[in-house]
Amino acid sequence: MRDLVNIGIEFLQDTLTSNVVDRTEDCGNGFGWSIIEWPNDSRAYCRYEFAVLRDGNICYDSGVTEDVVRGDWTMMEKLKCYVTDLNPDRLPS
């Protein structure tokens, strides 16, 4: 039980120490992104979390991601390019 409590405390500490490092509401095609940094994450390869945005909310059907994606900064830059290249026709009418 104590281990579960410690895991919960660590999760809360990580949640409280996340920082938005990049956010674009609309990159000209109706889509944007949000990138959060988790500075206390010991796994350097997944220090950042990327979400595709549409109308300021997380978009789960963009074709780029189906949920948030964790990775390094190189992956974040690639995902930003994919979002920038999305066709506005993917937006629902």
N, C-alpha and C. Protein backbone atom coordinates (compact mmCIF):
# COMPACT_ATOMS: atom_id res chain seq x y z
N MET A 1 0.82 -1.20 0.00
CA MET A 1 0.00 0.00 0.00
C MET A 1 0.86 1.25 0.00
N ARG A 2 1.93 1.22 0.75
CA ARG A 2 2.82 2.37 0.83
C ARG A 2 3.41 2.70 -0.54
N ASP A 3 3.74 1.65 -1.33
CA ASP A 3 4.28 1.87 -2.68
C ASP A 3 3.27 2.60 -3.56
N LEU A 4 1.99 2.23 -3.46
CA LEU A 4 0.96 2.90 -4.24
C LEU A 4 0.83 4.36 -3.85
N VAL A 5 0.94 4.65 -2.57
CA VAL A 5 0.88 6.03 -2.10
C VAL A 5 2.06 6.81 -2.65
N ASN A 6 3.26 6.23 -2.60
CA ASN A 6 4.45 6.91 -3.13
C ASN A 6 4.33 7.16 -4.62
N ILE A 7 3.81 6.19 -5.36
CA ILE A 7 3.62 6.37 -6.80
C ILE A 7 2.64 7.51 -7.05
N GLY A 8 1.57 7.55 -6.27
CA GLY A 8 0.58 8.62 -6.41
C GLY A 8 1.18 9.99 -6.12
N ILE A 9 2.00 10.08 -5.11
CA ILE A 9 2.66 11.34 -4.76
C ILE A 9 3.61 11.77 -5.87
N GLU A 10 4.39 10.82 -6.40
CA GLU A 10 5.31 11.15 -7.50
C GLU A 10 4.54 11.63 -8.72
N PHE A 11 3.42 10.98 -9.03
CA PHE A 11 2.60 11.40 -10.17
C PHE A 11 2.11 12.82 -9.97
N LEU A 12 1.60 13.13 -8.80
CA LEU A 12 1.11 14.48 -8.52
C LEU A 12 2.23 15.51 -8.61
N GLN A 13 3.41 15.18 -8.11
CA GLN A 13 4.53 16.10 -8.21
C GLN A 13 4.89 16.36 -9.66
N ASP A 14 4.92 15.31 -10.47
CA ASP A 14 5.22 15.48 -11.89
C ASP A 14 4.15 16.33 -12.56
N THR A 15 2.89 16.10 -12.24
CA THR A 15 1.80 16.85 -12.83
C THR A 15 1.91 18.32 -12.48
N LEU A 16 2.28 18.60 -11.26
CA LEU A 16 2.39 19.99 -10.82
C LEU A 16 3.60 20.70 -11.40
N THR A 17 4.58 19.95 -11.88
CA THR A 17 5.79 20.58 -12.38
C THR A 17 5.90 20.54 -13.90
N SER A 18 4.81 20.30 -14.60
CA SER A 18 4.85 20.33 -16.06
C SER A 18 4.76 21.78 -16.53
N ASN A 19 5.35 22.04 -17.70
CA ASN A 19 5.36 23.39 -18.25
C ASN A 19 4.94 23.34 -19.72
N VAL A 20 4.08 24.25 -20.12
CA VAL A 20 3.78 24.39 -21.54
C VAL A 20 4.96 25.13 -22.15
N VAL A 21 5.63 24.49 -23.12
CA VAL A 21 6.81 25.11 -23.73
C VAL A 21 6.54 25.60 -25.15
N ASP A 22 5.45 25.17 -25.75
CA ASP A 22 5.10 25.62 -27.10
C ASP A 22 3.61 25.37 -27.30
N ARG A 23 2.92 26.38 -27.83
CA ARG A 23 1.49 26.21 -28.09
C ARG A 23 1.11 27.10 -29.28
N THR A 24 0.46 26.50 -30.23
CA THR A 24 -0.03 27.22 -31.40
C THR A 24 -1.48 26.81 -31.58
N GLU A 25 -2.39 27.77 -31.45
CA GLU A 25 -3.82 27.47 -31.56
C GLU A 25 -4.21 27.09 -32.98
N ASP A 26 -3.67 27.81 -33.97
CA ASP A 26 -4.03 27.56 -35.37
C ASP A 26 -2.84 27.95 -36.23
N CYS A 27 -2.27 26.99 -36.91
CA CYS A 27 -1.10 27.27 -37.75
C CYS A 27 -1.50 27.59 -39.19
N GLY A 28 -2.75 28.00 -39.38
CA GLY A 28 -3.21 28.43 -40.69
C GLY A 28 -4.10 27.43 -41.41
N ASN A 29 -4.26 26.26 -40.82
CA ASN A 29 -5.09 25.22 -41.46
C ASN A 29 -6.21 24.72 -40.54
N GLY A 30 -6.42 25.41 -39.43
CA GLY A 30 -7.46 25.00 -38.49
C GLY A 30 -6.96 24.09 -37.38
N PHE A 31 -5.71 23.67 -37.47
CA PHE A 31 -5.10 22.80 -36.46
C PHE A 31 -3.97 23.53 -35.75
N GLY A 32 -3.65 23.08 -34.58
CA GLY A 32 -2.54 23.61 -33.82
C GLY A 32 -1.94 22.52 -32.97
N TRP A 33 -1.12 22.90 -31.99
CA TRP A 33 -0.49 21.92 -31.11
C TRP A 33 -0.18 22.53 -29.76
N SER A 34 0.05 21.67 -28.84
CA SER A 34 0.52 22.04 -27.52
C SER A 34 1.62 21.06 -27.14
N ILE A 35 2.72 21.59 -26.63
CA ILE A 35 3.81 20.76 -26.16
C ILE A 35 4.07 21.09 -24.70
N ILE A 36 4.03 20.05 -23.89
CA ILE A 36 4.27 20.18 -22.45
C ILE A 36 5.59 19.50 -22.14
N GLU A 37 6.38 20.13 -21.28
CA GLU A 37 7.64 19.52 -20.83
C GLU A 37 7.44 18.97 -19.43
N TRP A 38 7.96 17.78 -19.22
CA TRP A 38 7.94 17.14 -17.91
C TRP A 38 9.39 17.12 -17.41
N PRO A 39 9.87 18.20 -16.78
CA PRO A 39 11.28 18.30 -16.42
C PRO A 39 11.76 17.27 -15.41
N ASN A 40 10.86 16.71 -14.64
CA ASN A 40 11.27 15.73 -13.63
C ASN A 40 11.25 14.30 -14.15
N ASP A 41 10.91 14.12 -15.42
CA ASP A 41 10.87 12.77 -15.99
C ASP A 41 12.29 12.31 -16.24
N SER A 42 12.68 11.23 -15.63
CA SER A 42 14.05 10.73 -15.75
C SER A 42 14.31 10.10 -17.11
N ARG A 43 13.25 9.86 -17.88
CA ARG A 43 13.41 9.26 -19.21
C ARG A 43 13.54 10.38 -20.23
N ALA A 44 14.77 10.75 -20.56
CA ALA A 44 15.02 11.89 -21.45
C ALA A 44 14.37 11.71 -22.81
N TYR A 45 14.17 10.46 -23.24
CA TYR A 45 13.59 10.22 -24.56
C TYR A 45 12.10 10.52 -24.61
N CYS A 46 11.46 10.76 -23.48
CA CYS A 46 10.03 11.11 -23.51
C CYS A 46 9.74 12.24 -22.54
N ARG A 47 10.57 13.25 -22.59
CA ARG A 47 10.45 14.39 -21.69
C ARG A 47 9.30 15.33 -22.08
N TYR A 48 8.90 15.27 -23.34
CA TYR A 48 7.87 16.17 -23.85
C TYR A 48 6.61 15.41 -24.23
N GLU A 49 5.48 16.13 -24.18
CA GLU A 49 4.20 15.54 -24.54
C GLU A 49 3.52 16.45 -25.56
N PHE A 50 3.12 15.88 -26.68
CA PHE A 50 2.56 16.61 -27.81
C PHE A 50 1.09 16.29 -27.97
N ALA A 51 0.29 17.31 -28.21
CA ALA A 51 -1.13 17.12 -28.49
C ALA A 51 -1.51 17.96 -29.70
N VAL A 52 -2.27 17.38 -30.62
CA VAL A 52 -2.83 18.12 -31.75
C VAL A 52 -4.07 18.85 -31.23
N LEU A 53 -4.22 20.11 -31.61
CA LEU A 53 -5.36 20.91 -31.18
C LEU A 53 -6.24 21.27 -32.37
N ARG A 54 -7.53 21.36 -32.10
CA ARG A 54 -8.51 21.90 -33.04
C ARG A 54 -9.51 22.67 -32.20
N ASP A 55 -9.71 23.91 -32.52
CA ASP A 55 -10.59 24.80 -31.74
C ASP A 55 -10.16 24.88 -30.28
N GLY A 56 -8.86 24.81 -30.03
CA GLY A 56 -8.33 24.94 -28.68
C GLY A 56 -8.42 23.69 -27.82
N ASN A 57 -8.95 22.61 -28.38
CA ASN A 57 -9.09 21.35 -27.64
C ASN A 57 -8.26 20.26 -28.30
N ILE A 58 -7.96 19.23 -27.54
CA ILE A 58 -7.21 18.11 -28.11
C ILE A 58 -8.04 17.44 -29.18
N CYS A 59 -7.40 17.18 -30.32
CA CYS A 59 -8.05 16.55 -31.46
C CYS A 59 -7.54 15.11 -31.56
N TYR A 60 -8.45 14.17 -31.53
CA TYR A 60 -8.08 12.74 -31.53
C TYR A 60 -8.18 12.11 -32.91
N ASP A 61 -8.65 12.84 -33.93
CA ASP A 61 -8.84 12.25 -35.24
C ASP A 61 -8.17 13.05 -36.35
N SER A 62 -7.03 13.65 -36.05
CA SER A 62 -6.32 14.47 -37.04
C SER A 62 -5.58 13.65 -38.08
N GLY A 63 -5.29 12.41 -37.75
CA GLY A 63 -4.46 11.60 -38.62
C GLY A 63 -2.98 11.69 -38.25
N VAL A 64 -2.64 12.64 -37.39
CA VAL A 64 -1.25 12.75 -36.91
C VAL A 64 -1.07 11.91 -35.66
N THR A 65 -1.98 12.07 -34.71
CA THR A 65 -1.95 11.28 -33.48
C THR A 65 -3.38 10.91 -33.12
N GLU A 66 -3.53 9.87 -32.33
CA GLU A 66 -4.85 9.48 -31.83
C GLU A 66 -5.02 9.87 -30.37
N ASP A 67 -3.94 10.38 -29.78
CA ASP A 67 -3.93 10.80 -28.38
C ASP A 67 -2.69 11.66 -28.21
N VAL A 68 -2.35 12.02 -26.99
CA VAL A 68 -1.09 12.73 -26.78
C VAL A 68 0.07 11.76 -27.02
N VAL A 69 1.20 12.31 -27.40
CA VAL A 69 2.38 11.50 -27.72
C VAL A 69 3.55 12.02 -26.90
N ARG A 70 4.28 11.12 -26.26
CA ARG A 70 5.48 11.50 -25.52
C ARG A 70 6.70 11.21 -26.37
N GLY A 71 7.73 12.06 -26.24
CA GLY A 71 8.96 11.85 -26.98
C GLY A 71 9.98 12.93 -26.69
N ASP A 72 11.08 12.90 -27.44
CA ASP A 72 12.12 13.91 -27.29
C ASP A 72 11.80 15.12 -28.17
N TRP A 73 12.64 16.16 -28.11
CA TRP A 73 12.35 17.38 -28.84
C TRP A 73 12.37 17.16 -30.34
N THR A 74 13.23 16.28 -30.84
CA THR A 74 13.27 15.99 -32.27
C THR A 74 11.92 15.46 -32.75
N MET A 75 11.31 14.59 -31.98
CA MET A 75 9.99 14.07 -32.34
C MET A 75 8.95 15.18 -32.32
N MET A 76 9.05 16.10 -31.34
CA MET A 76 8.10 17.21 -31.26
C MET A 76 8.17 18.07 -32.53
N GLU A 77 9.38 18.34 -33.00
CA GLU A 77 9.56 19.14 -34.21
C GLU A 77 8.95 18.44 -35.43
N LYS A 78 9.13 17.13 -35.52
CA LYS A 78 8.54 16.37 -36.64
C LYS A 78 7.01 16.43 -36.58
N LEU A 79 6.45 16.26 -35.39
CA LEU A 79 5.00 16.29 -35.25
C LEU A 79 4.44 17.67 -35.61
N LYS A 80 5.15 18.72 -35.25
CA LYS A 80 4.72 20.07 -35.63
C LYS A 80 4.65 20.21 -37.15
N CYS A 81 5.62 19.66 -37.83
CA CYS A 81 5.62 19.70 -39.31
C CYS A 81 4.41 18.95 -39.86
N TYR A 82 4.10 17.80 -39.29
CA TYR A 82 2.94 17.02 -39.75
C TYR A 82 1.65 17.82 -39.57
N VAL A 83 1.52 18.50 -38.44
CA VAL A 83 0.31 19.28 -38.18
C VAL A 83 0.24 20.46 -39.15
N THR A 84 1.36 21.11 -39.39
CA THR A 84 1.41 22.24 -40.32
C THR A 84 0.99 21.80 -41.72
N ASP A 85 1.33 20.56 -42.09
CA ASP A 85 1.02 20.04 -43.42
C ASP A 85 -0.39 19.47 -43.54
N LEU A 86 -1.16 19.42 -42.46
CA LEU A 86 -2.52 18.88 -42.54
C LEU A 86 -3.38 19.73 -43.48
N ASN A 87 -4.21 19.07 -44.22
CA ASN A 87 -5.13 19.74 -45.13
C ASN A 87 -6.34 20.24 -44.35
N PRO A 88 -6.71 21.51 -44.53
CA PRO A 88 -7.88 22.02 -43.82
C PRO A 88 -9.16 21.24 -44.13
N ASP A 89 -9.18 20.48 -45.22
CA ASP A 89 -10.35 19.68 -45.56
C ASP A 89 -10.63 18.58 -44.54
N ARG A 90 -9.64 18.29 -43.67
CA ARG A 90 -9.86 17.28 -42.62
C ARG A 90 -10.79 17.80 -41.54
N LEU A 91 -11.03 19.11 -41.54
CA LEU A 91 -11.93 19.68 -40.55
C LEU A 91 -13.37 19.30 -40.85
N PRO A 92 -14.14 18.96 -39.82
CA PRO A 92 -15.56 18.65 -40.05
C PRO A 92 -16.31 19.91 -40.46
N SER A 93 -17.32 19.75 -41.26
CA SER A 93 -18.10 20.93 -41.70
C SER A 93 -19.14 21.32 -40.69
